[in-house]
Amino acid sequence: MKTEKHNFEITSFRITPESKRRLKEKAAKHYRPMGIELRYIIDLYLDGKLVPADSVSRENTKTQEAGVESNVG
């Protein structure tokens, strides 16, 4: 699977109980179905290494379609 680089710029970031709760909710919604544990999700998300699951799924589909076409030919 080809990975894309994403540049994130965080000007000010402070973890408060409220922001941590929102981050957990977002992580549970987008990344939990992929089978990644929550503590790793938060670490990866804060490092900017995690993209939403729907964009990953689309990338996998494109890669699989391309692979099928090249195998048939």
Protein backbone atom coordinates (compact mmCIF):
# COMPACT_ATOMS: atom_id res chain seq x y z
CA MET A 1 0.00 0.00 0.00
CA LYS A 2 1.33 3.39 -0.99
CA THR A 3 1.30 5.93 1.82
CA GLU A 4 0.89 9.64 1.34
CA LYS A 5 2.76 12.21 3.37
CA HIS A 6 0.68 14.72 5.27
CA ASN A 7 2.10 17.86 6.79
CA PHE A 8 0.37 19.08 9.91
CA GLU A 9 1.14 22.36 11.57
CA ILE A 10 -0.10 22.79 15.10
CA THR A 11 0.33 26.34 16.32
CA SER A 12 -0.86 25.78 19.87
CA PHE A 13 -1.97 22.50 21.37
CA ARG A 14 -2.89 21.84 24.96
CA ILE A 15 -4.44 18.59 26.15
CA THR A 16 -7.36 19.34 28.41
CA PRO A 17 -9.87 16.80 29.72
CA GLU A 18 -12.37 18.08 27.13
CA SER A 19 -9.95 17.84 24.19
CA LYS A 20 -8.87 14.38 25.32
CA ARG A 21 -12.50 13.24 25.44
CA ARG A 22 -13.16 14.62 21.92
CA LEU A 23 -10.00 12.94 20.64
CA LYS A 24 -11.09 9.60 22.11
CA GLU A 25 -14.54 9.95 20.50
CA LYS A 26 -13.01 10.79 17.12
CA ALA A 27 -10.53 7.94 17.41
CA ALA A 28 -13.23 5.46 18.36
CA LYS A 29 -15.40 6.52 15.42
CA HIS A 30 -12.72 6.57 12.71
CA TYR A 31 -9.91 4.25 13.74
CA ARG A 32 -11.27 1.67 16.17
CA PRO A 33 -12.88 -0.42 13.37
CA MET A 34 -9.35 -0.94 12.01
CA GLY A 35 -8.45 -2.86 15.18
CA ILE A 36 -5.92 -0.38 16.55
CA GLU A 37 -5.81 0.07 20.33
CA LEU A 38 -6.89 3.45 21.62
CA ARG A 39 -3.59 4.43 23.25
CA TYR A 40 -1.73 3.83 19.97
CA ILE A 41 -4.40 5.73 18.05
CA ILE A 42 -3.92 8.81 20.21
CA ASP A 43 -0.11 8.66 19.93
CA LEU A 44 -0.21 8.24 16.15
CA TYR A 45 -2.88 10.90 15.72
CA LEU A 46 -0.94 13.45 17.75
CA ASP A 47 2.20 12.65 15.72
CA GLY A 48 0.23 13.32 12.52
CA LYS A 49 0.80 9.79 11.21
CA LEU A 50 -2.83 8.71 11.10
CA VAL A 51 -5.32 9.56 8.37
CA PRO A 52 -9.07 8.93 8.57
CA ALA A 53 -10.14 5.35 7.89
CA ASP A 54 -12.32 6.27 4.92
CA SER A 55 -9.35 7.71 2.99
CA VAL A 56 -7.30 4.58 3.77
CA SER A 57 -10.14 2.38 2.54
CA ARG A 58 -10.33 4.29 -0.73
CA GLU A 59 -6.56 3.94 -1.21
CA ASN A 60 -6.76 0.17 -0.58
CA THR A 61 -9.56 -0.17 -3.13
CA LYS A 62 -7.57 1.68 -5.79
CA THR A 63 -4.50 -0.45 -5.10
CA GLN A 64 -6.49 -3.69 -5.27
CA GLU A 65 -8.17 -2.68 -8.54
CA ALA A 66 -4.82 -1.78 -10.07
CA GLY A 67 -3.36 -5.10 -8.87
CA VAL A 68 -6.23 -7.10 -10.36
CA GLU A 69 -5.87 -5.36 -13.74
CA SER A 70 -2.12 -5.95 -13.88
CA ASN A 71 -2.48 -9.62 -12.88
CA VAL A 72 -5.09 -10.32 -15.56
CA GLY A 73 -3.04 -8.72 -18.36
